[in-house]
């Protein structure tokens, strides 16, 4: 859960409010309904959705989600799993009453263990989660990103000190302005690695 939680916090802080919930959703769906962790992630997912709708002037969507998210987080002591849910709840109360507040000031940053996480603060596993989220959100080939993460893990397990897959995944997440060219180069590396794997398998068939 930690890698997904950190990734979603950093994506949200980067201003990708719509994408942030994808880092949490797959994990949330596997949790038992009504547990503290389930309510926590459900509340965060609806919080980011409320912020997204408010920033796009969908006032009714923002207020409904803000009220619902506040209810999910109501009984959680903060910080919960390192996230300052108290700040989130206070903002949700303001947003539910006045969604246009989003036009006057930016929503509060999320903190994790007291730190305002940025994409550059993420380790490899959280970066891999964020890369998958951005691929899905912005229409990149998700299979390339998934394979790149698998190859990166294999390289790290083998003690490879300069894996191109690790490097390109970090760059893909952190460098939005050059993401298209990074995705293209990552795809080329994945295609070559896939080809080598097929060649090796062919030797044993």
Protein backbone atom coordinates (compact mmCIF):
# COMPACT_ATOMS: atom_id res chain seq x y z
CA UNK A 1 0.00 0.00 0.00
CA UNK A 2 2.86 2.37 0.79
CA UNK A 3 4.10 2.66 -2.80
CA UNK A 4 0.59 3.37 -4.11
CA UNK A 5 -0.11 5.84 -1.34
CA UNK A 6 3.10 7.79 -1.91
CA UNK A 7 2.60 7.81 -5.67
CA UNK A 8 -0.94 9.18 -5.39
CA UNK A 9 0.12 11.89 -2.95
CA UNK A 10 2.93 13.04 -5.26
CA UNK A 11 0.71 12.94 -8.37
CA UNK A 12 -1.91 15.02 -6.56
CA UNK A 13 0.70 17.52 -5.41
CA UNK A 14 1.88 17.84 -9.01
CA UNK A 15 -1.62 19.07 -9.91
CA UNK A 16 -2.82 15.91 -11.65
CA UNK A 17 -5.94 15.74 -9.52
CA UNK A 18 -7.84 13.42 -11.84
CA UNK A 19 -4.94 10.98 -12.23
CA UNK A 20 -4.09 10.81 -8.52
CA UNK A 21 -6.97 8.54 -7.59
CA UNK A 22 -5.79 5.86 -10.03
CA UNK A 23 -2.76 5.24 -7.83
CA UNK A 24 -5.09 4.26 -4.98
CA UNK A 25 -8.10 2.75 -6.71
CA UNK A 26 -6.77 -0.73 -7.55
CA UNK A 27 -5.58 -1.20 -3.98
CA UNK A 28 -8.80 0.22 -2.53
CA UNK A 29 -10.96 -2.22 -4.52
CA UNK A 30 -9.23 -5.16 -2.82
CA UNK A 31 -9.97 -3.92 0.71
CA UNK A 32 -12.84 -5.07 2.87
CA UNK A 33 -15.61 -2.47 2.89
CA UNK A 34 -15.85 -0.39 6.04
CA UNK A 35 -12.33 -1.02 7.31
CA UNK A 36 -10.22 1.97 8.29
CA UNK A 37 -7.91 1.53 5.30
CA UNK A 38 -10.87 1.19 2.92
CA UNK A 39 -12.52 4.35 4.26
CA UNK A 40 -9.19 6.16 4.16
CA UNK A 41 -8.52 5.42 0.49
CA UNK A 42 -12.19 5.89 -0.44
CA UNK A 43 -12.09 9.30 1.20
CA UNK A 44 -8.88 10.29 -0.58
CA UNK A 45 -10.22 9.12 -3.93
CA UNK A 46 -13.37 11.19 -3.50
CA UNK A 47 -11.31 14.13 -2.18
CA UNK A 48 -9.21 14.26 -5.36
CA UNK A 49 -12.35 13.86 -7.48
CA UNK A 50 -14.01 16.74 -5.61
CA UNK A 51 -10.97 18.94 -6.19
CA UNK A 52 -10.92 17.99 -9.87
CA UNK A 53 -14.61 18.86 -10.32
CA UNK A 54 -14.23 22.14 -8.43
CA UNK A 55 -11.25 23.16 -10.56
CA UNK A 56 -13.43 22.49 -13.63
CA UNK A 57 -16.39 24.46 -12.21
CA UNK A 58 -18.61 21.42 -11.77
CA UNK A 59 -20.00 22.80 -8.52
CA UNK A 60 -22.65 20.14 -7.86
CA UNK A 61 -20.19 17.32 -8.45
CA UNK A 62 -17.62 18.99 -6.22
CA UNK A 63 -19.96 19.63 -3.30
CA UNK A 64 -21.49 16.15 -3.34
CA UNK A 65 -18.10 14.43 -3.43
CA UNK A 66 -16.66 16.78 -0.81
CA UNK A 67 -19.43 15.93 1.64
CA UNK A 68 -19.12 12.21 0.95
CA UNK A 69 -15.31 12.22 1.23
CA UNK A 70 -15.53 14.09 4.54
CA UNK A 71 -17.86 11.38 5.88
CA UNK A 72 -15.45 8.60 4.91
CA UNK A 73 -12.57 10.36 6.67
CA UNK A 74 -14.57 11.58 9.67
CA UNK A 75 -13.54 8.91 12.18
CA UNK A 76 -9.88 8.64 11.20
CA UNK A 77 -7.31 10.13 13.49
CA UNK A 78 -4.69 12.20 11.74
CA UNK A 79 -2.21 11.66 10.52
CA UNK A 80 -3.45 8.31 9.23
CA UNK A 81 -0.84 6.14 7.51
CA UNK A 82 1.31 9.25 7.45
CA UNK A 83 -1.24 11.46 5.66
CA UNK A 84 -2.56 14.59 7.39
CA UNK A 85 -6.26 13.79 7.06
CA UNK A 86 -7.16 16.67 9.38
CA UNK A 87 -6.13 19.21 6.76
CA UNK A 88 -8.02 17.24 4.12
CA UNK A 89 -11.21 17.18 6.21
CA UNK A 90 -11.04 20.91 6.91
CA UNK A 91 -10.67 21.71 3.23
CA UNK A 92 -13.52 19.35 2.33
CA UNK A 93 -15.79 21.25 4.73
CA UNK A 94 -14.88 24.52 3.02
CA UNK A 95 -15.28 23.01 -0.44
CA UNK A 96 -18.69 21.52 0.39
CA UNK A 97 -19.92 24.95 1.48
CA UNK A 98 -18.19 27.02 -1.20
CA UNK A 99 -16.79 25.10 -4.18
CA UNK A 100 -15.75 28.34 -5.87
CA UNK A 101 -12.97 28.57 -3.27
CA UNK A 102 -10.98 26.50 -5.77
CA UNK A 103 -10.91 29.51 -8.08
CA UNK A 104 -9.52 31.78 -5.39
CA UNK A 105 -6.75 29.56 -4.10
CA UNK A 106 -5.13 26.24 -4.80
CA UNK A 107 -6.24 23.25 -2.74
CA UNK A 108 -3.93 22.22 0.08
CA UNK A 109 -0.96 19.99 -0.61
CA UNK A 110 -1.02 16.49 0.77
CA UNK A 111 1.74 15.54 3.17
CA UNK A 112 3.20 12.14 3.92
CA UNK A 113 5.05 11.78 7.22
CA UNK A 114 5.12 15.56 7.35
CA UNK A 115 6.67 15.97 3.90
CA UNK A 116 5.00 17.53 0.89
CA UNK A 117 5.90 14.77 -1.53
CA UNK A 118 6.86 15.67 -5.09
CA UNK A 119 7.38 13.30 -7.99
CA UNK A 120 11.13 13.72 -7.54
CA UNK A 121 10.83 12.33 -3.99
CA UNK A 122 9.50 8.94 -5.09
CA UNK A 123 11.58 5.77 -4.92
CA UNK A 124 11.48 3.12 -7.60
CA UNK A 125 8.30 1.23 -6.62
CA UNK A 126 6.28 4.43 -6.18
CA UNK A 127 7.68 5.73 -9.46
CA UNK A 128 6.59 2.52 -11.21
CA UNK A 129 3.05 3.06 -9.87
CA UNK A 130 3.09 6.69 -11.03
CA UNK A 131 4.38 5.68 -14.47
CA UNK A 132 1.48 3.25 -14.90
CA UNK A 133 -0.96 5.96 -13.81
CA UNK A 134 0.41 8.52 -16.27
CA UNK A 135 0.44 5.96 -19.09
CA UNK A 136 -3.25 5.23 -18.51
CA UNK A 137 -4.18 8.88 -17.98
CA UNK A 138 -2.41 10.29 -21.03
CA UNK A 139 -2.78 7.48 -23.55
CA UNK A 140 0.67 5.92 -23.62
CA UNK A 141 1.17 2.20 -24.23
CA UNK A 142 0.50 0.69 -20.80
CA UNK A 143 2.07 -2.64 -21.75
CA UNK A 144 5.37 -0.88 -22.45
CA UNK A 145 5.38 0.74 -19.04
CA UNK A 146 4.39 -2.53 -17.34
CA UNK A 147 7.17 -4.45 -19.10
CA UNK A 148 9.67 -1.68 -18.42
CA UNK A 149 8.90 -1.91 -14.69
CA UNK A 150 9.33 -5.70 -14.78
CA UNK A 151 12.65 -5.38 -16.62
CA UNK A 152 13.79 -2.68 -14.21
CA UNK A 153 13.04 -4.92 -11.22
CA UNK A 154 14.92 -7.80 -12.84
CA UNK A 155 17.91 -5.54 -13.47
CA UNK A 156 17.85 -4.29 -9.89
CA UNK A 157 17.63 -7.86 -8.59
CA UNK A 158 20.63 -8.79 -10.75
CA UNK A 159 22.65 -5.91 -9.33
CA UNK A 160 22.72 -3.96 -12.60
CA UNK A 161 23.91 -0.47 -11.66
CA UNK A 162 22.76 1.38 -14.79
CA UNK A 163 19.48 -0.06 -16.00
CA UNK A 164 17.98 2.05 -18.80
CA UNK A 165 14.54 0.93 -17.69
CA UNK A 166 15.00 2.41 -14.22
CA UNK A 167 16.34 5.65 -15.70
CA UNK A 168 13.59 6.04 -18.28
CA UNK A 169 10.79 5.25 -15.82
CA UNK A 170 12.05 7.96 -13.47
CA UNK A 171 12.35 10.40 -16.38
CA UNK A 172 8.89 9.47 -17.72
CA UNK A 173 7.31 10.34 -14.38
CA UNK A 174 9.34 13.44 -13.57
CA UNK A 175 9.82 15.17 -16.92
CA UNK A 176 6.37 16.05 -18.22
CA UNK A 177 7.62 18.40 -20.94
CA UNK A 178 9.70 15.63 -22.57
CA UNK A 179 7.39 12.71 -21.76
CA UNK A 180 6.59 11.94 -25.40
CA UNK A 181 10.21 11.46 -26.46
CA UNK A 182 11.01 9.58 -23.24
CA UNK A 183 8.09 7.23 -23.91
CA UNK A 184 9.38 6.65 -27.43
CA UNK A 185 12.89 5.79 -26.22
CA UNK A 186 11.49 3.59 -23.47
CA UNK A 187 9.41 1.74 -26.04
CA UNK A 188 12.52 1.12 -28.15
CA UNK A 189 14.39 -0.37 -25.18
CA UNK A 190 11.41 -2.55 -24.25
CA UNK A 191 11.08 -3.77 -27.85
CA UNK A 192 14.78 -4.76 -27.94
CA UNK A 193 14.53 -6.53 -24.58
CA UNK A 194 11.43 -8.43 -25.70
CA UNK A 195 13.24 -9.45 -28.87
CA UNK A 196 16.23 -10.76 -26.91
CA UNK A 197 13.92 -12.74 -24.64
CA UNK A 198 12.19 -14.31 -27.65
CA UNK A 199 15.57 -15.21 -29.12
CA UNK A 200 16.64 -16.90 -25.87
CA UNK A 201 13.39 -18.82 -25.64
CA UNK A 202 13.83 -19.94 -29.23
CA UNK A 203 17.11 -21.62 -28.35
CA UNK A 204 15.32 -23.97 -25.98
CA UNK A 205 12.33 -24.85 -28.12
